[in-house]
């Protein structure tokens, strides 16, 4: 069985979708599915094509048994809607061209969204190559773009909602990263077949028993007695990271150090806020590769997982939860809804604070630093809960069975 994974984001880029898709593809490949990846020249999050790929219109390589085809993409640090659309549609066009000129036929095409517009290529290729279409939704777009105020143009939003409906209805299976996404699609499009495909962790890679702390604290001027709270991920609008800065202001004298590790459009603004407030207990660090994260996580006391207080995010599960819990690091979760229900109420993996409420975050932090044993128990609970419910091997196995079900449908239709 041949499957084409169509995605704008893929390693060597770092980030949640890149890691998730790579890990899933490798596991499906090991299970016997012939995986080909069609992706863009790596550029994220710097929005600059990596120098090894600069100037190329097409590139082929192999990664861990995966056949990876790359096509050109327009990139710019300009964050305007016009620039973003040029970025998305340049890959829509180049990926379609590459698929038709370089690739053969497939039984299945799995397309990652966002960007939603890549669905144009996915639908075209599914029709031309007579393949079943799996559309994987990791973020409800354009709903999230509208609610966050990223896109306000009514004409563009209307067209995007029309495209969303068209893609879902033409897909043989719509997979969602959270139960909230799956429920939203199922409620709005009752005839569409849906499947929950959550993110997860590789517990053999994120294994606290074999990972050493190293000298990360020393390298970054952090004392052994400091209580370190880490945010690692995209420094964007959705996260509402101001809550960390306001909490840091309240905790100046409590030996608390807050580390914001990553890149994104909000980083410079947040750094300026920190400078203006004279926050010596906040450190902004650049994004690191996957290989460095286990030892960094081993060196911190807790991970802060915030999102803005929006109805939209009640169905969100930030991917950074899984690696922290796999490393037995308790979480401070500022996300309402599904994530709170799973990881705080059921998993007992950390403490909840009201999104964008710095006083509530400070209260949770003080509970943690006053009870080391409680933190250790929450950390142990986290790894156990992730292993039982969000182990990447388990997730891939469930999707494999769903793919086999689609395959048997294909055979019946072809008789």
Protein backbone atom coordinates (compact mmCIF):
# COMPACT_ATOMS: atom_id res chain seq x y z
CA UNK A 1 0.00 0.00 0.00
CA UNK A 2 1.36 3.41 -1.01
CA UNK A 3 0.66 6.58 0.96
CA UNK A 4 1.65 10.14 0.07
CA UNK A 5 2.07 12.49 3.03
CA UNK A 6 1.48 16.04 1.82
CA UNK A 7 2.64 18.70 4.27
CA UNK A 8 4.21 22.15 4.14
CA UNK A 9 6.15 21.41 7.35
CA UNK A 10 8.67 18.61 7.87
CA UNK A 11 12.13 18.02 9.40
CA UNK A 12 14.85 19.21 9.44
CA UNK A 13 12.53 22.02 10.54
CA UNK A 14 11.74 21.94 14.25
CA UNK A 15 8.25 22.24 15.65
CA UNK A 16 5.20 20.30 16.72
CA UNK A 17 3.76 19.33 13.30
CA UNK A 18 7.20 18.50 11.93
CA UNK A 19 8.01 16.09 14.78
CA UNK A 20 4.52 14.59 14.91
CA UNK A 21 4.31 13.85 11.18
CA UNK A 22 7.84 12.49 10.96
CA UNK A 23 7.33 10.15 13.91
CA UNK A 24 3.99 8.96 12.54
CA UNK A 25 5.36 8.39 9.03
CA UNK A 26 8.35 6.40 10.31
CA UNK A 27 6.09 4.11 12.33
CA UNK A 28 3.60 3.55 9.51
CA UNK A 29 6.53 2.78 7.20
CA UNK A 30 7.80 0.15 9.63
CA UNK A 31 4.32 -1.40 9.67
CA UNK A 32 4.54 -1.99 5.94
CA UNK A 33 3.00 1.11 4.37
CA UNK A 34 5.19 2.56 1.60
CA UNK A 35 5.47 6.23 2.63
CA UNK A 36 6.41 9.10 0.33
CA UNK A 37 6.55 12.65 1.67
CA UNK A 38 5.92 15.74 -0.46
CA UNK A 39 6.94 18.87 1.41
CA UNK A 40 8.48 22.33 1.05
CA UNK A 41 12.08 23.44 1.21
CA UNK A 42 12.77 23.75 4.96
CA UNK A 43 12.42 27.34 6.19
CA UNK A 44 10.43 27.39 9.42
CA UNK A 45 10.43 29.12 11.91
CA UNK A 46 13.07 31.57 10.62
CA UNK A 47 11.09 32.00 7.37
CA UNK A 48 14.30 31.66 5.42
CA UNK A 49 15.13 28.62 3.30
CA UNK A 50 17.94 26.63 4.92
CA UNK A 51 21.23 27.28 3.13
CA UNK A 52 21.60 23.63 1.99
CA UNK A 53 18.37 24.02 0.03
CA UNK A 54 18.61 27.66 -1.03
CA UNK A 55 17.88 28.31 -4.69
CA UNK A 56 16.48 24.84 -5.39
CA UNK A 57 13.17 24.26 -7.15
CA UNK A 58 13.19 20.54 -6.36
CA UNK A 59 15.14 18.22 -4.10
CA UNK A 60 14.94 14.51 -3.25
CA UNK A 61 16.33 12.84 -0.15
CA UNK A 62 15.70 9.87 2.12
CA UNK A 63 15.14 10.13 5.85
CA UNK A 64 14.82 7.06 8.10
CA UNK A 65 13.43 5.01 5.23
CA UNK A 66 11.05 7.74 4.03
CA UNK A 67 11.22 9.03 0.44
CA UNK A 68 11.11 12.82 0.72
CA UNK A 69 10.42 15.11 -2.25
CA UNK A 70 10.75 18.86 -1.72
CA UNK A 71 9.44 21.66 -3.89
CA UNK A 72 9.96 25.42 -3.84
CA UNK A 73 8.16 27.87 -1.57
CA UNK A 74 8.01 31.65 -1.22
CA UNK A 75 9.18 32.79 2.21
CA UNK A 76 9.33 36.20 3.86
CA UNK A 77 9.60 37.58 7.38
CA UNK A 78 6.74 39.93 6.50
CA UNK A 79 3.70 38.74 8.55
CA UNK A 80 1.03 40.54 6.50
CA UNK A 81 -1.91 38.51 5.17
CA UNK A 82 -0.74 39.04 1.58
CA UNK A 83 2.71 37.66 2.37
CA UNK A 84 1.22 34.68 4.19
CA UNK A 85 -1.08 33.89 1.29
CA UNK A 86 1.87 34.06 -1.11
CA UNK A 87 3.70 31.62 1.16
CA UNK A 88 0.81 29.15 1.27
CA UNK A 89 -0.14 29.30 -2.41
CA UNK A 90 3.43 29.10 -3.68
CA UNK A 91 3.63 25.63 -2.14
CA UNK A 92 0.13 24.73 -3.32
CA UNK A 93 1.32 25.37 -6.88
CA UNK A 94 4.82 23.87 -6.61
CA UNK A 95 3.66 20.74 -4.76
CA UNK A 96 1.05 20.03 -7.42
CA UNK A 97 3.63 20.49 -10.17
CA UNK A 98 6.16 18.24 -8.42
CA UNK A 99 3.61 15.54 -7.71
CA UNK A 100 2.53 15.37 -11.34
CA UNK A 101 6.05 15.40 -12.78
CA UNK A 102 8.00 13.36 -10.21
CA UNK A 103 5.58 11.02 -8.44
CA UNK A 104 3.55 8.01 -9.48
CA UNK A 105 0.19 6.84 -8.19
CA UNK A 106 -0.82 6.26 -4.58
CA UNK A 107 -3.52 4.38 -2.75
CA UNK A 108 -3.85 7.08 -0.10
CA UNK A 109 -3.02 10.76 0.24
CA UNK A 110 -2.77 12.25 3.72
CA UNK A 111 -2.75 16.04 3.81
CA UNK A 112 -1.78 18.13 6.84
CA UNK A 113 -3.76 21.29 7.69
CA UNK A 114 -3.04 24.09 8.32
CA UNK A 115 -2.44 25.51 5.87
CA UNK A 116 -5.97 24.79 4.73
CA UNK A 117 -5.16 25.85 1.17
CA UNK A 118 -2.99 22.77 0.67
CA UNK A 119 -6.33 21.00 0.40
CA UNK A 120 -6.52 22.29 -3.18
CA UNK A 121 -3.49 20.19 -4.09
CA UNK A 122 -4.72 17.23 -2.05
CA UNK A 123 -8.12 17.12 -3.76
CA UNK A 124 -6.55 17.48 -7.21
CA UNK A 125 -4.01 14.72 -6.61
CA UNK A 126 -6.58 12.39 -5.06
CA UNK A 127 -8.68 12.74 -8.20
CA UNK A 128 -5.80 12.45 -10.68
CA UNK A 129 -4.09 9.57 -8.92
CA UNK A 130 -7.34 7.82 -7.93
CA UNK A 131 -6.36 7.82 -4.27
CA UNK A 132 -8.38 7.95 -1.06
CA UNK A 133 -7.97 11.27 0.79
CA UNK A 134 -7.20 11.58 4.50
CA UNK A 135 -7.31 15.20 5.67
CA UNK A 136 -5.53 15.72 9.00
CA UNK A 137 -6.67 18.79 10.94
CA UNK A 138 -4.28 19.98 13.64
CA UNK A 139 -5.95 23.39 13.96
CA UNK A 140 -9.46 24.45 12.96
CA UNK A 141 -8.74 26.95 10.22
CA UNK A 142 -10.13 29.49 9.34
CA UNK A 143 -12.01 29.54 12.66
CA UNK A 144 -8.84 30.02 14.71
CA UNK A 145 -7.53 32.75 12.38
CA UNK A 146 -10.84 34.61 12.70
CA UNK A 147 -11.10 34.28 16.50
CA UNK A 148 -7.49 35.39 17.02
CA UNK A 149 -7.96 38.39 14.72
CA UNK A 150 -5.25 37.19 12.32
CA UNK A 151 -7.69 37.41 9.40
CA UNK A 152 -10.50 39.99 9.45
CA UNK A 153 -11.36 40.25 5.76
CA UNK A 154 -14.93 38.91 5.48
CA UNK A 155 -14.54 37.96 1.82
CA UNK A 156 -11.40 35.89 2.50
CA UNK A 157 -12.97 34.27 5.57
CA UNK A 158 -16.09 33.32 3.62
CA UNK A 159 -14.02 31.77 0.85
CA UNK A 160 -11.92 29.89 3.40
CA UNK A 161 -14.98 28.47 5.15
CA UNK A 162 -16.32 27.35 1.77
CA UNK A 163 -13.01 25.64 1.00
CA UNK A 164 -13.00 23.97 4.42
CA UNK A 165 -16.45 22.50 3.78
CA UNK A 166 -15.49 21.33 0.30
CA UNK A 167 -12.35 19.57 1.53
CA UNK A 168 -14.09 17.78 4.41
CA UNK A 169 -16.88 16.55 2.17
CA UNK A 170 -14.44 15.25 -0.43
CA UNK A 171 -12.25 13.49 2.13
CA UNK A 172 -12.65 9.79 2.79
CA UNK A 173 -11.48 10.39 6.35
CA UNK A 174 -10.94 13.56 8.40
CA UNK A 175 -8.55 13.08 11.32
CA UNK A 176 -8.38 15.60 14.14
CA UNK A 177 -5.60 16.24 16.62
CA UNK A 178 -8.04 16.77 19.49
CA UNK A 179 -11.44 15.41 20.41
CA UNK A 180 -12.70 18.98 20.16
CA UNK A 181 -11.62 19.22 16.52
CA UNK A 182 -13.21 15.87 15.72
CA UNK A 183 -16.45 16.89 17.42
CA UNK A 184 -16.56 20.22 15.59
CA UNK A 185 -16.13 18.57 12.19
CA UNK A 186 -18.64 15.81 12.98
CA UNK A 187 -21.26 18.28 14.23
CA UNK A 188 -20.95 20.60 11.24
CA UNK A 189 -20.59 17.85 8.63
CA UNK A 190 -22.54 14.79 9.86
CA UNK A 191 -21.81 12.73 6.75
CA UNK A 192 -18.03 13.03 7.10
CA UNK A 193 -16.11 10.11 8.62
CA UNK A 194 -13.86 11.32 11.44
CA UNK A 195 -11.07 9.83 13.56
CA UNK A 196 -9.18 11.14 16.60
CA UNK A 197 -5.44 11.20 15.82
CA UNK A 198 -3.81 12.85 18.85
CA UNK A 199 -0.26 13.98 19.30
CA UNK A 200 1.92 12.03 21.68
CA UNK A 201 5.44 11.26 22.82
CA UNK A 202 8.16 8.75 22.11
CA UNK A 203 8.76 7.44 25.61
CA UNK A 204 11.92 5.61 24.61
CA UNK A 205 13.43 8.94 23.50
CA UNK A 206 12.06 11.09 26.32
CA UNK A 207 13.21 8.78 29.11
CA UNK A 208 14.27 10.46 32.38
CA UNK A 209 15.99 7.28 33.54
CA UNK A 210 18.67 7.59 30.86
CA UNK A 211 18.89 11.37 30.31
CA UNK A 212 21.50 13.45 32.13
CA UNK A 213 20.92 17.07 33.15
CA UNK A 214 24.17 18.29 31.67
CA UNK A 215 25.29 21.88 32.27
CA UNK A 216 22.31 23.72 30.77
CA UNK A 217 21.61 25.64 33.97
CA UNK A 218 25.20 26.73 34.36
CA UNK A 219 25.44 27.80 30.70
CA UNK A 220 22.42 30.06 31.16
CA UNK A 221 23.34 31.55 34.51
CA UNK A 222 20.75 29.61 36.50
CA UNK A 223 21.63 28.55 40.05
CA UNK A 224 21.05 25.07 41.47
CA UNK A 225 18.68 26.47 44.10
CA UNK A 226 16.54 28.34 41.56
CA UNK A 227 13.04 27.11 40.75
CA UNK A 228 12.95 26.97 36.95
CA UNK A 229 9.71 27.20 34.97
CA UNK A 230 9.98 26.59 31.24
CA UNK A 231 7.87 27.61 28.29
CA UNK A 232 9.20 25.93 25.13
CA UNK A 233 7.49 26.43 21.80
CA UNK A 234 6.23 29.01 19.35
CA UNK A 235 6.27 32.53 20.75
CA UNK A 236 3.04 33.54 19.10
CA UNK A 237 -0.23 35.38 19.59
CA UNK A 238 -2.29 32.35 20.63
CA UNK A 239 -0.14 31.53 23.67
CA UNK A 240 -0.73 34.78 25.58
CA UNK A 241 2.77 34.63 27.06
CA UNK A 242 2.39 37.98 28.81
CA UNK A 243 0.96 35.97 31.72
CA UNK A 244 4.44 34.55 32.37
CA UNK A 245 6.00 38.02 32.46
CA UNK A 246 3.37 39.34 34.86
CA UNK A 247 3.85 36.30 37.11
CA UNK A 248 7.62 36.84 37.02
CA UNK A 249 7.07 40.43 38.18
CA UNK A 250 5.18 39.11 41.22
CA UNK A 251 7.81 36.46 42.00
CA UNK A 252 11.00 38.51 41.83
CA UNK A 253 12.03 37.55 45.34
CA UNK A 254 11.09 33.86 45.29
CA UNK A 255 14.13 32.35 43.54
CA UNK A 256 11.95 31.67 40.49
CA UNK A 257 13.43 31.79 36.99
CA UNK A 258 11.20 31.81 33.92
CA UNK A 259 12.63 30.59 30.63
CA UNK A 260 10.88 31.32 27.32
CA UNK A 261 12.56 29.10 24.76
CA UNK A 262 11.61 29.42 21.12
CA UNK A 263 11.00 31.75 18.19
CA UNK A 264 7.95 33.49 16.83
CA UNK A 265 6.27 36.77 15.88
CA UNK A 266 5.68 37.91 19.47
CA UNK A 267 9.19 37.33 20.79
CA UNK A 268 10.65 40.80 20.22
CA UNK A 269 7.59 42.51 21.74
CA UNK A 270 7.71 40.29 24.84
CA UNK A 271 11.44 40.88 25.23
CA UNK A 272 10.78 44.62 25.17
CA UNK A 273 8.09 44.27 27.85
CA UNK A 274 10.55 42.31 29.97
CA UNK A 275 13.29 44.91 29.50
CA UNK A 276 10.94 47.78 30.32
CA UNK A 277 9.85 46.01 33.52
CA UNK A 278 13.45 45.20 34.48
CA UNK A 279 12.71 41.50 34.83
CA UNK A 280 15.99 39.83 35.75
CA UNK A 281 14.25 36.50 36.40
CA UNK A 282 13.07 36.00 32.80
CA UNK A 283 15.36 34.50 30.16
CA UNK A 284 14.60 34.38 26.43
CA UNK A 285 16.46 31.58 24.66
CA UNK A 286 16.56 30.56 21.01
CA UNK A 287 14.77 27.46 19.77
CA UNK A 288 16.81 24.25 19.94
CA UNK A 289 16.74 20.97 18.06
CA UNK A 290 14.93 17.87 19.23
CA UNK A 291 18.16 16.28 20.48
CA UNK A 292 18.66 19.01 23.09
CA UNK A 293 15.16 19.02 24.58
CA UNK A 294 15.32 15.93 26.85
CA UNK A 295 18.28 17.25 28.86
CA UNK A 296 16.74 20.74 29.05
CA UNK A 297 13.49 19.29 30.39
CA UNK A 298 15.48 17.25 32.89
CA UNK A 299 16.97 20.54 34.17
CA UNK A 300 13.72 22.38 34.93
CA UNK A 301 11.16 22.07 37.72
CA UNK A 302 7.94 22.51 35.74
CA UNK A 303 6.65 23.41 32.30
CA UNK A 304 4.19 26.26 31.74
CA UNK A 305 1.60 25.54 29.05
CA UNK A 306 -0.53 28.66 28.37
CA UNK A 307 -3.10 29.68 25.78
CA UNK A 308 -5.33 32.72 25.56
CA UNK A 309 -8.72 32.58 27.26
CA UNK A 310 -10.85 31.85 24.17
CA UNK A 311 -13.73 29.46 23.64
CA UNK A 312 -11.83 28.17 20.61
CA UNK A 313 -9.03 26.78 22.79
CA UNK A 314 -11.27 24.66 24.99
CA UNK A 315 -10.69 21.95 22.39
CA UNK A 316 -6.92 22.47 22.16
CA UNK A 317 -4.11 20.22 23.39
CA UNK A 318 -0.73 21.96 23.04
CA UNK A 319 1.85 19.45 21.84
CA UNK A 320 4.49 20.64 24.32
CA UNK A 321 2.53 18.86 27.08
CA UNK A 322 3.63 15.41 25.96
CA UNK A 323 7.41 15.74 26.06
CA UNK A 324 7.34 17.41 29.49
CA UNK A 325 5.16 14.70 30.98
CA UNK A 326 7.19 11.92 29.34
CA UNK A 327 10.21 13.37 31.16
CA UNK A 328 8.27 13.34 34.47
CA UNK A 329 8.11 17.14 34.55
CA UNK A 330 4.83 18.43 36.05
CA UNK A 331 2.90 21.05 34.13
CA UNK A 332 1.29 24.37 34.97
CA UNK A 333 -1.61 24.30 32.51
CA UNK A 334 -3.36 27.50 31.49
CA UNK A 335 -5.74 25.84 29.01
CA UNK A 336 -9.42 25.22 29.71
CA UNK A 337 -11.57 22.41 28.39
CA UNK A 338 -10.22 19.18 26.91
CA UNK A 339 -6.58 19.59 28.01
CA UNK A 340 -7.60 20.35 31.60
CA UNK A 341 -9.96 17.39 31.69
CA UNK A 342 -7.32 14.98 30.38
CA UNK A 343 -4.10 16.07 32.06
CA UNK A 344 -5.21 17.75 35.29
CA UNK A 345 -8.52 16.14 36.29
CA UNK A 346 -7.89 12.63 34.95
CA UNK A 347 -4.12 12.34 34.70
CA UNK A 348 -3.23 14.37 37.84
CA UNK A 349 -0.13 15.55 35.96
CA UNK A 350 0.10 19.12 37.24
CA UNK A 351 -1.84 22.19 38.35
CA UNK A 352 -4.34 24.32 36.46
CA UNK A 353 -4.38 28.11 36.34
CA UNK A 354 -6.98 30.29 34.69
CA UNK A 355 -5.76 31.38 31.23
CA UNK A 356 -4.27 34.89 31.19
CA UNK A 357 -4.64 35.16 34.99
CA UNK A 358 -1.16 35.87 36.37
CA UNK A 359 -2.35 35.90 40.00
CA UNK A 360 -3.71 32.37 39.54
CA UNK A 361 -0.45 31.26 37.92
CA UNK A 362 1.53 32.69 40.85
CA UNK A 363 -0.73 30.81 43.28
CA UNK A 364 -0.09 27.52 41.43
CA UNK A 365 3.66 28.15 41.31
CA UNK A 366 3.79 28.79 45.06
CA UNK A 367 1.96 25.52 45.71
CA UNK A 368 4.53 23.71 43.58
CA UNK A 369 7.64 25.22 45.14
CA UNK A 370 6.31 24.59 48.64
CA UNK A 371 5.73 20.87 48.07
CA UNK A 372 8.54 19.08 46.21
CA UNK A 373 7.00 15.66 46.93
CA UNK A 374 3.75 16.71 45.26
CA UNK A 375 5.69 17.85 42.20
CA UNK A 376 7.46 14.48 41.99
CA UNK A 377 4.17 12.59 42.25
CA UNK A 378 2.60 14.72 39.51
CA UNK A 379 5.66 14.10 37.32
CA UNK A 380 5.40 10.32 37.82
CA UNK A 381 1.67 10.47 37.09
CA UNK A 382 2.41 12.37 33.87
CA UNK A 383 4.73 9.78 32.36
CA UNK A 384 2.37 6.94 33.31
CA UNK A 385 -0.64 8.75 31.83
CA UNK A 386 1.15 9.58 28.56
CA UNK A 387 2.43 6.01 28.24
CA UNK A 388 -1.07 4.60 28.64
CA UNK A 389 -2.90 7.10 26.43
CA UNK A 390 -0.52 9.08 24.18
CA UNK A 391 2.32 6.74 23.30
CA UNK A 392 3.31 7.35 19.66
CA UNK A 393 3.50 3.61 18.98
CA UNK A 394 -0.07 3.14 20.17
CA UNK A 395 -1.32 6.12 18.15
CA UNK A 396 0.35 4.87 14.93
CA UNK A 397 -1.06 1.38 15.48
CA UNK A 398 -4.61 2.71 15.75
CA UNK A 399 -4.22 4.80 12.58
CA UNK A 400 -2.75 1.77 10.78
CA UNK A 401 -5.91 -0.20 11.54
CA UNK A 402 -8.04 2.69 10.27
CA UNK A 403 -5.97 2.79 7.06
CA UNK A 404 -6.49 -0.94 6.58
CA UNK A 405 -10.21 -0.33 6.91
CA UNK A 406 -10.03 2.31 4.17
CA UNK A 407 -7.97 -0.11 2.06
CA UNK A 408 -10.60 -2.84 2.36
CA UNK A 409 -13.22 -0.30 1.23
CA UNK A 410 -11.06 0.49 -1.80
CA UNK A 411 -10.85 -3.19 -2.74
CA UNK A 412 -14.62 -3.59 -2.45
CA UNK A 413 -15.22 -0.54 -4.64
CA UNK A 414 -12.79 -1.84 -7.28
CA UNK A 415 -14.53 -5.23 -7.65
